Amino acid sequence: MGYRGDINTVRRHLRPYRTGTIPADVPLPHLTVRRVTDWITRRPEQLTETERECLDELRERSPALATTTQYARRLAAMVRERHSEHLALDAWLADVRLDGQRELRTLPLVYGATAQPHSPP
């Protein structure tokens, strides 16, 4: 019917249904960077219970991911709500700068480079 995935994936998924032992709970989703990034950037109220639980578990395991989630959600809220004031972004950048996380430390530098007026060579 046009499915181009692996037939074994389909067989593994259907095996419990064929034996009559339908799983009571939904299997955990396969974790990918894209999926977790989606969970982080999406509004928390739009996450399903399973997604929320998986993200919470990941954040408990990694304090860096928990902090990154907070910063990403603050930034996403600013973008969604289209804050025209630069104070909110400046406060966000100052917080990132002070936090000292290696993964986030280049963001203020990138912003500083793009905020400068362009001068011809």
PDB file of N, CA and C in Angstrom:
ATOM      1  N   MET A   1       0.831  -1.194   0.000  1.00  0.00           N
ATOM      2  CA  MET A   1       0.000   0.000   0.000  1.00  0.00           C
ATOM      3  C   MET A   1       0.871   1.252   0.000  1.00  0.00           C
ATOM      4  N   GLY A   2       2.133   1.156  -0.334  1.00  0.00           N
ATOM      5  CA  GLY A   2       2.983   2.333  -0.420  1.00  0.00           C
ATOM      6  C   GLY A   2       3.927   2.537   0.745  1.00  0.00           C
ATOM      7  N   TYR A   3       3.836   1.713   1.798  1.00  0.00           N
ATOM      8  CA  TYR A   3       4.728   1.860   2.949  1.00  0.00           C
ATOM      9  C   TYR A   3       6.133   1.443   2.546  1.00  0.00           C
ATOM     10  N   ARG A   4       7.100   2.306   2.782  1.00  0.00           N
ATOM     11  CA  ARG A   4       8.466   2.021   2.353  1.00  0.00           C
ATOM     12  C   ARG A   4       9.394   1.699   3.514  1.00  0.00           C
ATOM     13  N   GLY A   5       8.821   1.551   4.702  1.00  0.00           N
ATOM     14  CA  GLY A   5       9.632   1.223   5.870  1.00  0.00           C
ATOM     15  C   GLY A   5       9.973  -0.243   5.930  1.00  0.00           C
ATOM     16  N   ASP A   6      10.613  -0.624   7.004  1.00  0.00           N
ATOM     17  CA  ASP A   6      11.058  -1.991   7.200  1.00  0.00           C
ATOM     18  C   ASP A   6       9.881  -2.873   7.616  1.00  0.00           C
ATOM     19  N   ILE A   7       9.703  -3.996   6.974  1.00  0.00           N
ATOM     20  CA  ILE A   7       8.609  -4.916   7.272  1.00  0.00           C
ATOM     21  C   ILE A   7       8.733  -5.474   8.686  1.00  0.00           C
ATOM     22  N   ASN A   8       9.961  -5.621   9.178  1.00  0.00           N
ATOM     23  CA  ASN A   8      10.155  -6.139  10.538  1.00  0.00           C
ATOM     24  C   ASN A   8       9.628  -5.165  11.592  1.00  0.00           C
ATOM     25  N   THR A   9       9.687  -3.891  11.324  1.00  0.00           N
ATOM     26  CA  THR A   9       9.126  -2.897  12.243  1.00  0.00           C
ATOM     27  C   THR A   9       7.628  -3.104  12.373  1.00  0.00           C
ATOM     28  N   VAL A  10       6.978  -3.330  11.264  1.00  0.00           N
ATOM     29  CA  VAL A  10       5.527  -3.571  11.272  1.00  0.00           C
ATOM     30  C   VAL A  10       5.219  -4.869  12.007  1.00  0.00           C
ATOM     31  N   ARG A  11       5.991  -5.906  11.754  1.00  0.00           N
ATOM     32  CA  ARG A  11       5.764  -7.197  12.417  1.00  0.00           C
ATOM     33  C   ARG A  11       5.918  -7.079  13.936  1.00  0.00           C
ATOM     34  N   ARG A  12       6.972  -6.375  14.383  1.00  0.00           N
ATOM     35  CA  ARG A  12       7.176  -6.190  15.828  1.00  0.00           C
ATOM     36  C   ARG A  12       6.011  -5.429  16.449  1.00  0.00           C
ATOM     37  N   HIS A  13       5.510  -4.455  15.742  1.00  0.00           N
ATOM     38  CA  HIS A  13       4.394  -3.664  16.258  1.00  0.00           C
ATOM     39  C   HIS A  13       3.109  -4.498  16.341  1.00  0.00           C
ATOM     40  N   LEU A  14       2.878  -5.353  15.359  1.00  0.00           N
ATOM     41  CA  LEU A  14       1.636  -6.119  15.302  1.00  0.00           C
ATOM     42  C   LEU A  14       1.670  -7.409  16.122  1.00  0.00           C
ATOM     43  N   ARG A  15       2.859  -7.893  16.515  1.00  0.00           N
ATOM     44  CA  ARG A  15       2.988  -9.155  17.230  1.00  0.00           C
ATOM     45  C   ARG A  15       2.072  -9.246  18.462  1.00  0.00           C
ATOM     46  N   PRO A  16       2.020  -8.257  19.355  1.00  0.00           N
ATOM     47  CA  PRO A  16       1.132  -8.386  20.523  1.00  0.00           C
ATOM     48  C   PRO A  16      -0.344  -8.491  20.137  1.00  0.00           C
ATOM     49  N   TYR A  17      -0.742  -7.857  19.072  1.00  0.00           N
ATOM     50  CA  TYR A  17      -2.137  -7.900  18.657  1.00  0.00           C
ATOM     51  C   TYR A  17      -2.507  -9.281  18.096  1.00  0.00           C
ATOM     52  N   ARG A  18      -1.562  -9.929  17.454  1.00  0.00           N
ATOM     53  CA  ARG A  18      -1.825 -11.256  16.884  1.00  0.00           C
ATOM     54  C   ARG A  18      -1.930 -12.321  17.956  1.00  0.00           C
ATOM     55  N   THR A  19      -1.173 -12.176  19.023  1.00  0.00           N
ATOM     56  CA  THR A  19      -1.213 -13.160  20.099  1.00  0.00           C
ATOM     57  C   THR A  19      -2.341 -12.887  21.077  1.00  0.00           C
ATOM     58  N   GLY A  20      -3.013 -11.772  20.929  1.00  0.00           N
ATOM     59  CA  GLY A  20      -4.132 -11.432  21.804  1.00  0.00           C
ATOM     60  C   GLY A  20      -3.718 -10.727  23.076  1.00  0.00           C
ATOM     61  N   THR A  21      -2.458 -10.383  23.205  1.00  0.00           N
ATOM     62  CA  THR A  21      -1.995  -9.661  24.393  1.00  0.00           C
ATOM     63  C   THR A  21      -1.725  -8.203  24.022  1.00  0.00           C
ATOM     64  N   ILE A  22      -2.782  -7.469  23.851  1.00  0.00           N
ATOM     65  CA  ILE A  22      -2.657  -6.060  23.477  1.00  0.00           C
ATOM     66  C   ILE A  22      -2.086  -5.301  24.676  1.00  0.00           C
ATOM     67  N   PRO A  23      -1.035  -4.518  24.455  1.00  0.00           N
ATOM     68  CA  PRO A  23      -0.427  -3.798  25.578  1.00  0.00           C
ATOM     69  C   PRO A  23      -1.408  -2.817  26.205  1.00  0.00           C
ATOM     70  N   ALA A  24      -1.404  -2.775  27.548  1.00  0.00           N
ATOM     71  CA  ALA A  24      -2.320  -1.887  28.263  1.00  0.00           C
ATOM     72  C   ALA A  24      -1.872  -0.440  28.178  1.00  0.00           C
ATOM     73  N   ASP A  25      -0.576  -0.219  28.174  1.00  0.00           N
ATOM     74  CA  ASP A  25      -0.100   1.151  28.096  1.00  0.00           C
ATOM     75  C   ASP A  25       0.584   1.389  26.760  1.00  0.00           C
ATOM     76  N   VAL A  26       0.659   2.631  26.386  1.00  0.00           N
ATOM     77  CA  VAL A  26       1.257   3.011  25.120  1.00  0.00           C
ATOM     78  C   VAL A  26       2.772   2.866  25.237  1.00  0.00           C
ATOM     79  N   PRO A  27       3.412   2.256  24.248  1.00  0.00           N
ATOM     80  CA  PRO A  27       4.869   2.140  24.324  1.00  0.00           C
ATOM     81  C   PRO A  27       5.513   3.519  24.268  1.00  0.00           C
ATOM     82  N   LEU A  28       6.653   3.642  24.908  1.00  0.00           N
ATOM     83  CA  LEU A  28       7.356   4.922  24.892  1.00  0.00           C
ATOM     84  C   LEU A  28       7.829   5.229  23.483  1.00  0.00           C
ATOM     85  N   PRO A  29       7.758   6.494  23.101  1.00  0.00           N
ATOM     86  CA  PRO A  29       8.211   6.850  21.757  1.00  0.00           C
ATOM     87  C   PRO A  29       9.721   6.706  21.635  1.00  0.00           C
ATOM     88  N   HIS A  30      10.159   6.416  20.436  1.00  0.00           N
ATOM     89  CA  HIS A  30      11.587   6.315  20.151  1.00  0.00           C
ATOM     90  C   HIS A  30      12.182   7.718  20.275  1.00  0.00           C
ATOM     91  N   LEU A  31      13.206   7.868  21.096  1.00  0.00           N
ATOM     92  CA  LEU A  31      13.788   9.187  21.331  1.00  0.00           C
ATOM     93  C   LEU A  31      14.770   9.549  20.228  1.00  0.00           C
ATOM     94  N   THR A  32      14.550  10.703  19.650  1.00  0.00           N
ATOM     95  CA  THR A  32      15.480  11.278  18.687  1.00  0.00           C
ATOM     96  C   THR A  32      15.711  12.725  19.097  1.00  0.00           C
ATOM     97  N   VAL A  33      16.762  13.321  18.597  1.00  0.00           N
ATOM     98  CA  VAL A  33      17.044  14.725  18.896  1.00  0.00           C
ATOM     99  C   VAL A  33      15.888  15.597  18.410  1.00  0.00           C
ATOM    100  N   ARG A  34      15.396  15.315  17.237  1.00  0.00           N
ATOM    101  CA  ARG A  34      14.302  16.102  16.678  1.00  0.00           C
ATOM    102  C   ARG A  34      13.044  16.009  17.547  1.00  0.00           C
ATOM    103  N   ARG A  35      12.732  14.812  18.027  1.00  0.00           N
ATOM    104  CA  ARG A  35      11.530  14.623  18.844  1.00  0.00           C
ATOM    105  C   ARG A  35      11.650  15.363  20.178  1.00  0.00           C
ATOM    106  N   VAL A  36      12.794  15.232  20.840  1.00  0.00           N
ATOM    107  CA  VAL A  36      12.990  15.904  22.128  1.00  0.00           C
ATOM    108  C   VAL A  36      13.009  17.418  21.940  1.00  0.00           C
ATOM    109  N   THR A  37      13.628  17.886  20.864  1.00  0.00           N
ATOM    110  CA  THR A  37      13.627  19.318  20.570  1.00  0.00           C
ATOM    111  C   THR A  37      12.207  19.822  20.363  1.00  0.00           C
ATOM    112  N   ASP A  38      11.393  19.046  19.696  1.00  0.00           N
ATOM    113  CA  ASP A  38       9.986  19.405  19.505  1.00  0.00           C
ATOM    114  C   ASP A  38       9.271  19.516  20.851  1.00  0.00           C
ATOM    115  N   TRP A  39       9.524  18.583  21.743  1.00  0.00           N
ATOM    116  CA  TRP A  39       8.889  18.619  23.061  1.00  0.00           C
ATOM    117  C   TRP A  39       9.318  19.858  23.832  1.00  0.00           C
ATOM    118  N   ILE A  40      10.582  20.232  23.702  1.00  0.00           N
ATOM    119  CA  ILE A  40      11.105  21.387  24.433  1.00  0.00           C
ATOM    120  C   ILE A  40      10.508  22.679  23.906  1.00  0.00           C
ATOM    121  N   THR A  41      10.412  22.806  22.591  1.00  0.00           N
ATOM    122  CA  THR A  41       9.974  24.075  22.006  1.00  0.00           C
ATOM    123  C   THR A  41       8.457  24.213  21.929  1.00  0.00           C
ATOM    124  N   ARG A  42       7.754  23.111  22.038  1.00  0.00           N
ATOM    125  CA  ARG A  42       6.297  23.184  22.013  1.00  0.00           C
ATOM    126  C   ARG A  42       5.766  23.711  23.340  1.00  0.00           C
ATOM    127  N   ARG A  43       4.607  24.316  23.314  1.00  0.00           N
ATOM    128  CA  ARG A  43       3.998  24.775  24.558  1.00  0.00           C
ATOM    129  C   ARG A  43       3.738  23.572  25.454  1.00  0.00           C
ATOM    130  N   PRO A  44       4.060  23.689  26.753  1.00  0.00           N
ATOM    131  CA  PRO A  44       3.903  22.537  27.652  1.00  0.00           C
ATOM    132  C   PRO A  44       2.476  21.983  27.684  1.00  0.00           C
ATOM    133  N   GLU A  45       1.478  22.831  27.544  1.00  0.00           N
ATOM    134  CA  GLU A  45       0.092  22.348  27.584  1.00  0.00           C
ATOM    135  C   GLU A  45      -0.293  21.572  26.326  1.00  0.00           C
ATOM    136  N   GLN A  46       0.510  21.649  25.286  1.00  0.00           N
ATOM    137  CA  GLN A  46       0.227  20.916  24.050  1.00  0.00           C
ATOM    138  C   GLN A  46       0.863  19.524  24.029  1.00  0.00           C
ATOM    139  N   LEU A  47       1.666  19.208  25.031  1.00  0.00           N
ATOM    140  CA  LEU A  47       2.299  17.890  25.097  1.00  0.00           C
ATOM    141  C   LEU A  47       1.306  16.857  25.606  1.00  0.00           C
ATOM    142  N   THR A  48       1.414  15.652  25.071  1.00  0.00           N
ATOM    143  CA  THR A  48       0.606  14.561  25.610  1.00  0.00           C
ATOM    144  C   THR A  48       1.200  14.150  26.956  1.00  0.00           C
ATOM    145  N   GLU A  49       0.462  13.368  27.699  1.00  0.00           N
ATOM    146  CA  GLU A  49       0.935  12.914  29.006  1.00  0.00           C
ATOM    147  C   GLU A  49       2.224  12.106  28.863  1.00  0.00           C
ATOM    148  N   THR A  50       2.283  11.243  27.861  1.00  0.00           N
ATOM    149  CA  THR A  50       3.481  10.419  27.628  1.00  0.00           C
ATOM    150  C   THR A  50       4.676  11.294  27.278  1.00  0.00           C
ATOM    151  N   GLU A  51       4.471  12.273  26.388  1.00  0.00           N
ATOM    152  CA  GLU A  51       5.562  13.170  26.008  1.00  0.00           C
ATOM    153  C   GLU A  51       6.061  13.954  27.215  1.00  0.00           C
ATOM    154  N   ARG A  52       5.134  14.444  28.014  1.00  0.00           N
ATOM    155  CA  ARG A  52       5.496  15.218  29.206  1.00  0.00           C
ATOM    156  C   ARG A  52       6.305  14.360  30.183  1.00  0.00           C
ATOM    157  N   GLU A  53       5.865  13.125  30.391  1.00  0.00           N
ATOM    158  CA  GLU A  53       6.574  12.231  31.307  1.00  0.00           C
ATOM    159  C   GLU A  53       7.979  11.909  30.792  1.00  0.00           C
ATOM    160  N   CYS A  54       8.100  11.654  29.494  1.00  0.00           N
ATOM    161  CA  CYS A  54       9.412  11.356  28.915  1.00  0.00           C
ATOM    162  C   CYS A  54      10.351  12.549  29.055  1.00  0.00           C
ATOM    163  N   LEU A  55       9.841  13.745  28.759  1.00  0.00           N
ATOM    164  CA  LEU A  55      10.676  14.946  28.871  1.00  0.00           C
ATOM    165  C   LEU A  55      11.060  15.197  30.323  1.00  0.00           C
ATOM    166  N   ASP A  56      10.137  15.010  31.237  1.00  0.00           N
ATOM    167  CA  ASP A  56      10.451  15.182  32.657  1.00  0.00           C
ATOM    168  C   ASP A  56      11.536  14.219  33.106  1.00  0.00           C
ATOM    169  N   GLU A  57      11.446  12.977  32.648  1.00  0.00           N
ATOM    170  CA  GLU A  57      12.466  11.987  33.007  1.00  0.00           C
ATOM    171  C   GLU A  57      13.828  12.370  32.442  1.00  0.00           C
ATOM    172  N   LEU A  58      13.850  12.846  31.203  1.00  0.00           N
ATOM    173  CA  LEU A  58      15.110  13.278  30.599  1.00  0.00           C
ATOM    174  C   LEU A  58      15.696  14.468  31.355  1.00  0.00           C
ATOM    175  N   ARG A  59      14.834  15.405  31.747  1.00  0.00           N
ATOM    176  CA  ARG A  59      15.301  16.587  32.475  1.00  0.00           C
ATOM    177  C   ARG A  59      15.815  16.217  33.863  1.00  0.00           C
ATOM    178  N   GLU A  60      15.230  15.193  34.484  1.00  0.00           N
ATOM    179  CA  GLU A  60      15.731  14.730  35.784  1.00  0.00           C
ATOM    180  C   GLU A  60      17.116  14.103  35.646  1.00  0.00           C
ATOM    181  N   ARG A  61      17.335  13.407  34.553  1.00  0.00           N
ATOM    182  CA  ARG A  61      18.627  12.751  34.322  1.00  0.00           C
ATOM    183  C   ARG A  61      19.725  13.747  33.972  1.00  0.00           C
ATOM    184  N   SER A  62      19.348  14.853  33.318  1.00  0.00           N
ATOM    185  CA  SER A  62      20.346  15.813  32.845  1.00  0.00           C
ATOM    186  C   SER A  62      19.997  17.231  33.299  1.00  0.00           C
ATOM    187  N   PRO A  63      20.702  17.742  34.290  1.00  0.00           N
ATOM    188  CA  PRO A  63      20.459  19.124  34.714  1.00  0.00           C
ATOM    189  C   PRO A  63      20.720  20.132  33.591  1.00  0.00           C
ATOM    190  N   ALA A  64      21.684  19.840  32.718  1.00  0.00           N
ATOM    191  CA  ALA A  64      21.963  20.736  31.597  1.00  0.00           C
ATOM    192  C   ALA A  64      20.756  20.810  30.659  1.00  0.00           C
ATOM    193  N   LEU A  65      20.112  19.670  30.414  1.00  0.00           N
ATOM    194  CA  LEU A  65      18.924  19.664  29.564  1.00  0.00           C
ATOM    195  C   LEU A  65      17.775  20.415  30.240  1.00  0.00           C
ATOM    196  N   ALA A  66      17.657  20.296  31.550  1.00  0.00           N
ATOM    197  CA  ALA A  66      16.611  21.018  32.277  1.00  0.00           C
ATOM    198  C   ALA A  66      16.800  22.519  32.141  1.00  0.00           C
ATOM    199  N   THR A  67      18.034  22.985  32.297  1.00  0.00           N
ATOM    200  CA  THR A  67      18.319  24.411  32.150  1.00  0.00           C
ATOM    201  C   THR A  67      18.102  24.866  30.719  1.00  0.00           C
ATOM    202  N   THR A  68      18.555  24.077  29.768  1.00  0.00           N
ATOM    203  CA  THR A  68      18.368  24.410  28.360  1.00  0.00           C
ATOM    204  C   THR A  68      16.883  24.490  28.024  1.00  0.00           C
ATOM    205  N   THR A  69      16.091  23.602  28.584  1.00  0.00           N
ATOM    206  CA  THR A  69      14.646  23.625  28.359  1.00  0.00           C
ATOM    207  C   THR A  69      14.047  24.928  28.865  1.00  0.00           C
ATOM    208  N   GLN A  70      14.468  25.365  30.042  1.00  0.00           N
ATOM    209  CA  GLN A  70      13.948  26.629  30.577  1.00  0.00           C
ATOM    210  C   GLN A  70      14.289  27.794  29.664  1.00  0.00           C
ATOM    211  N   TYR A  71      15.552  27.870  29.216  1.00  0.00           N
ATOM    212  CA  TYR A  71      15.951  28.958  28.322  1.00  0.00           C
ATOM    213  C   TYR A  71      15.216  28.894  26.990  1.00  0.00           C
ATOM    214  N   ALA A  72      15.091  27.701  26.441  1.00  0.00           N
ATOM    215  CA  ALA A  72      14.419  27.552  25.147  1.00  0.00           C
ATOM    216  C   ALA A  72      12.952  27.945  25.243  1.00  0.00           C
ATOM    217  N   ARG A  73      12.295  27.573  26.321  1.00  0.00           N
ATOM    218  CA  ARG A  73      10.882  27.917  26.480  1.00  0.00           C
ATOM    219  C   ARG A  73      10.688  29.419  26.685  1.00  0.00           C
ATOM    220  N   ARG A  74      11.611  30.047  27.426  1.00  0.00           N
ATOM    221  CA  ARG A  74      11.525  31.500  27.583  1.00  0.00           C
ATOM    222  C   ARG A  74      11.699  32.197  26.241  1.00  0.00           C
ATOM    223  N   LEU A  75      12.674  31.737  25.457  1.00  0.00           N
ATOM    224  CA  LEU A  75      12.912  32.342  24.146  1.00  0.00           C
ATOM    225  C   LEU A  75      11.737  32.095  23.213  1.00  0.00           C
ATOM    226  N   ALA A  76      11.202  30.878  23.219  1.00  0.00           N
ATOM    227  CA  ALA A  76      10.056  30.560  22.368  1.00  0.00           C
ATOM    228  C   ALA A  76       8.846  31.427  22.736  1.00  0.00           C
ATOM    229  N   ALA A  77       8.652  31.671  24.033  1.00  0.00           N
ATOM    230  CA  ALA A  77       7.534  32.523  24.460  1.00  0.00           C
ATOM    231  C   ALA A  77       7.729  33.953  23.960  1.00  0.00           C
ATOM    232  N   MET A  78       8.965  34.446  24.008  1.00  0.00           N
ATOM    233  CA  MET A  78       9.233  35.802  23.499  1.00  0.00           C
ATOM    234  C   MET A  78       8.934  35.891  22.009  1.00  0.00           C
ATOM    235  N   VAL A  79       9.342  34.877  21.267  1.00  0.00           N
ATOM    236  CA  VAL A  79       9.130  34.878  19.819  1.00  0.00           C
ATOM    237  C   VAL A  79       7.643  34.745  19.501  1.00  0.00           C
ATOM    238  N   ARG A  80       6.956  33.824  20.190  1.00  0.00           N
ATOM    239  CA  ARG A  80       5.529  33.614  19.946  1.00  0.00           C
ATOM    240  C   ARG A  80       4.716  34.867  20.254  1.00  0.00           C
ATOM    241  N   GLU A  81       5.054  35.504  21.364  1.00  0.00           N
ATOM    242  CA  GLU A  81       4.289  36.672  21.791  1.00  0.00           C
ATOM    243  C   GLU A  81       4.782  37.951  21.132  1.00  0.00           C
ATOM    244  N   ARG A  82       5.848  37.822  20.347  1.00  0.00           N
ATOM    245  CA  ARG A  82       6.410  38.923  19.562  1.00  0.00           C
ATOM    246  C   ARG A  82       6.689  40.147  20.406  1.00  0.00           C
ATOM    247  N   HIS A  83       7.468  39.922  21.450  1.00  0.00           N
ATOM    248  CA  HIS A  83       7.885  41.036  22.290  1.00  0.00           C
ATOM    249  C   HIS A  83       8.728  41.976  21.452  1.00  0.00           C
ATOM    250  N   SER A  84       8.301  43.208  21.356  1.00  0.00           N
ATOM    251  CA  SER A  84       9.057  44.163  20.563  1.00  0.00           C
ATOM    252  C   SER A  84      10.143  44.842  21.390  1.00  0.00           C
ATOM    253  N   GLU A  85      10.054  44.725  22.716  1.00  0.00           N
ATOM    254  CA  GLU A  85      11.077  45.359  23.542  1.00  0.00           C
ATOM    255  C   GLU A  85      12.339  44.512  23.554  1.00  0.00           C
ATOM    256  N   HIS A  86      13.443  45.170  23.565  1.00  0.00           N
ATOM    257  CA  HIS A  86      14.721  44.463  23.578  1.00  0.00           C
ATOM    258  C   HIS A  86      15.132  44.100  24.996  1.00  0.00           C
ATOM    259  N   LEU A  87      14.439  44.656  25.985  1.00  0.00           N
ATOM    260  CA  LEU A  87      14.799  44.368  27.375  1.00  0.00           C
ATOM    261  C   LEU A  87      14.626  42.893  27.703  1.00  0.00           C
ATOM    262  N   ALA A  88      13.554  42.282  27.208  1.00  0.00           N
ATOM    263  CA  ALA A  88      13.317  40.865  27.482  1.00  0.00           C
ATOM    264  C   ALA A  88      14.427  40.011  26.874  1.00  0.00           C
ATOM    265  N   LEU A  89      14.802  40.303  25.646  1.00  0.00           N
ATOM    266  CA  LEU A  89      15.871  39.547  24.993  1.00  0.00           C
ATOM    267  C   LEU A  89      17.210  39.818  25.667  1.00  0.00           C
ATOM    268  N   ASP A  90      17.454  41.067  26.032  1.00  0.00           N
ATOM    269  CA  ASP A  90      18.709  41.388  26.712  1.00  0.00           C
ATOM    270  C   ASP A  90      18.801  40.673  28.055  1.00  0.00           C
ATOM    271  N   ALA A  91      17.687  40.606  28.783  1.00  0.00           N
ATOM    272  CA  ALA A  91      17.671  39.895  30.065  1.00  0.00           C
ATOM    273  C   ALA A  91      17.915  38.407  29.841  1.00  0.00           C
ATOM    274  N   TRP A  92      17.308  37.854  28.794  1.00  0.00           N
ATOM    275  CA  TRP A  92      17.498  36.440  28.472  1.00  0.00           C
ATOM    276  C   TRP A  92      18.963  36.164  28.145  1.00  0.00           C
ATOM    277  N   LEU A  93      19.561  37.027  27.312  1.00  0.00           N
ATOM    278  CA  LEU A  93      20.962  36.856  26.935  1.00  0.00           C
ATOM    279  C   LEU A  93      21.888  36.990  28.142  1.00  0.00           C
ATOM    280  N   ALA A  94      21.583  37.927  29.041  1.00  0.00           N
ATOM    281  CA  ALA A  94      22.393  38.083  30.258  1.00  0.00           C
ATOM    282  C   ALA A  94      22.309  36.834  31.128  1.00  0.00           C
ATOM    283  N   ASP A  95      21.112  36.268  31.241  1.00  0.00           N
ATOM    284  CA  ASP A  95      20.952  35.038  32.018  1.00  0.00           C
ATOM    285  C   ASP A  95      21.760  33.896  31.411  1.00  0.00           C
ATOM    286  N   VAL A  96      21.724  33.787  30.100  1.00  0.00           N
ATOM    287  CA  VAL A  96      22.487  32.730  29.412  1.00  0.00           C
ATOM    288  C   VAL A  96      23.978  32.945  29.640  1.00  0.00           C
ATOM    289  N   ARG A  97      24.409  34.191  29.520  1.00  0.00           N
ATOM    290  CA  ARG A  97      25.825  34.511  29.714  1.00  0.00           C
ATOM    291  C   ARG A  97      26.286  34.145  31.128  1.00  0.00           C
ATOM    292  N   LEU A  98      25.454  34.467  32.117  1.00  0.00           N
ATOM    293  CA  LEU A  98      25.819  34.210  33.514  1.00  0.00           C
ATOM    294  C   LEU A  98      25.748  32.729  33.874  1.00  0.00           C
ATOM    295  N   ASP A  99      24.897  31.991  33.191  1.00  0.00           N
ATOM    296  CA  ASP A  99      24.719  30.581  33.508  1.00  0.00           C
ATOM    297  C   ASP A  99      25.998  29.793  33.262  1.00  0.00           C
ATOM    298  N   GLY A 100      26.665  30.094  32.170  1.00  0.00           N
ATOM    299  CA  GLY A 100      27.941  29.456  31.886  1.00  0.00           C
ATOM    300  C   GLY A 100      27.866  28.077  31.265  1.00  0.00           C
ATOM    301  N   GLN A 101      26.699  27.648  30.823  1.00  0.00           N
ATOM    302  CA  GLN A 101      26.612  26.344  30.155  1.00  0.00           C
ATOM    303  C   GLN A 101      27.373  26.391  28.841  1.00  0.00           C
ATOM    304  N   ARG A 102      28.180  25.399  28.620  1.00  0.00           N
ATOM    305  CA  ARG A 102      28.987  25.344  27.401  1.00  0.00           C
ATOM    306  C   ARG A 102      28.114  25.345  26.147  1.00  0.00           C
ATOM    307  N   GLU A 103      26.973  24.638  26.216  1.00  0.00           N
ATOM    308  CA  GLU A 103      26.106  24.510  25.048  1.00  0.00           C
ATOM    309  C   GLU A 103      25.451  25.829  24.664  1.00  0.00           C
ATOM    310  N   LEU A 104      25.259  26.716  25.628  1.00  0.00           N
ATOM    311  CA  LEU A 104      24.547  27.969  25.363  1.00  0.00           C
ATOM    312  C   LEU A 104      25.456  29.189  25.310  1.00  0.00           C
ATOM    313  N   ARG A 105      26.703  29.047  25.658  1.00  0.00           N
ATOM    314  CA  ARG A 105      27.544  30.222  25.831  1.00  0.00           C
ATOM    315  C   ARG A 105      27.804  30.977  24.530  1.00  0.00           C
ATOM    316  N   THR A 106      27.669  30.364  23.357  1.00  0.00           N
ATOM    317  CA  THR A 106      27.919  31.071  22.104  1.00  0.00           C
ATOM    318  C   THR A 106      26.721  31.897  21.640  1.00  0.00           C
ATOM    319  N   LEU A 107      25.533  31.677  22.197  1.00  0.00           N
ATOM    320  CA  LEU A 107      24.361  32.428  21.745  1.00  0.00           C
ATOM    321  C   LEU A 107      24.507  33.940  21.913  1.00  0.00           C
ATOM    322  N   PRO A 108      24.965  34.448  23.074  1.00  0.00           N
ATOM    323  CA  PRO A 108      25.136  35.894  23.179  1.00  0.00           C
ATOM    324  C   PRO A 108      26.152  36.443  22.179  1.00  0.00           C
ATOM    325  N   LEU A 109      27.183  35.661  21.876  1.00  0.00           N
ATOM    326  CA  LEU A 109      28.171  36.112  20.896  1.00  0.00           C
ATOM    327  C   LEU A 109      27.558  36.216  19.507  1.00  0.00           C
ATOM    328  N   VAL A 110      26.736  35.225  19.155  1.00  0.00           N
ATOM    329  CA  VAL A 110      26.070  35.248  17.848  1.00  0.00           C
ATOM    330  C   VAL A 110      25.129  36.442  17.768  1.00  0.00           C
ATOM    331  N   TYR A 111      24.366  36.668  18.833  1.00  0.00           N
ATOM    332  CA  TYR A 111      23.447  37.803  18.842  1.00  0.00           C
ATOM    333  C   TYR A 111      24.212  39.118  18.740  1.00  0.00           C
ATOM    334  N   GLY A 112      25.314  39.223  19.489  1.00  0.00           N
ATOM    335  CA  GLY A 112      26.110  40.454  19.447  1.00  0.00           C
ATOM    336  C   GLY A 112      26.653  40.726  18.059  1.00  0.00           C
ATOM    337  N   ALA A 113      27.062  39.686  17.358  1.00  0.00           N
ATOM    338  CA  ALA A 113      27.593  39.852  16.007  1.00  0.00           C
ATOM    339  C   ALA A 113      26.503  40.260  15.024  1.00  0.00           C
ATOM    340  N   THR A 114      25.305  39.747  15.213  1.00  0.00           N
ATOM    341  CA  THR A 114      24.221  40.079  14.274  1.00  0.00           C
ATOM    342  C   THR A 114      23.547  41.398  14.621  1.00  0.00           C
ATOM    343  N   ALA A 115      23.706  41.876  15.849  1.00  0.00           N
ATOM    344  CA  ALA A 115      23.062  43.120  16.261  1.00  0.00           C
ATOM    345  C   ALA A 115      23.861  44.329  15.812  1.00  0.00           C
ATOM    346  N   GLN A 116      25.122  44.142  15.446  1.00  0.00           N
ATOM    347  CA  GLN A 116      25.944  45.256  15.015  1.00  0.00           C
ATOM    348  C   GLN A 116      25.534  45.701  13.619  1.00  0.00           C
ATOM    349  N   PRO A 117      25.542  47.025  13.383  1.00  0.00           N
ATOM    350  CA  PRO A 117      25.203  47.477  12.031  1.00  0.00           C
ATOM    351  C   PRO A 117      26.264  47.012  11.028  1.00  0.00           C
ATOM    352  N   HIS A 118      25.814  46.690   9.855  1.00  0.00           N
ATOM    353  CA  HIS A 118      26.710  46.187   8.821  1.00  0.00           C
ATOM    354  C   HIS A 118      27.514  47.328   8.259  1.00  0.00           C
ATOM    355  N   SER A 119      28.808  47.132   8.156  1.00  0.00           N
ATOM    356  CA  SER A 119      29.656  48.151   7.546  1.00  0.00           C
ATOM    357  C   SER A 119      30.310  47.550   6.307  1.00  0.00           C
ATOM    358  N   PRO A 120      30.256  48.265   5.202  1.00  0.00           N
ATOM    359  CA  PRO A 120      30.839  47.720   3.958  1.00  0.00           C
ATOM    360  C   PRO A 120      32.341  47.589   4.108  1.00  0.00           C
ATOM    361  N   PRO A 121      32.948  46.620   3.431  1.00  0.00           N
ATOM    362  CA  PRO A 121      34.400  46.400   3.518  1.00  0.00           C
ATOM    363  C   PRO A 121      35.198  47.528   2.941  1.00  0.00           C
TER     364      PRO A 121
END
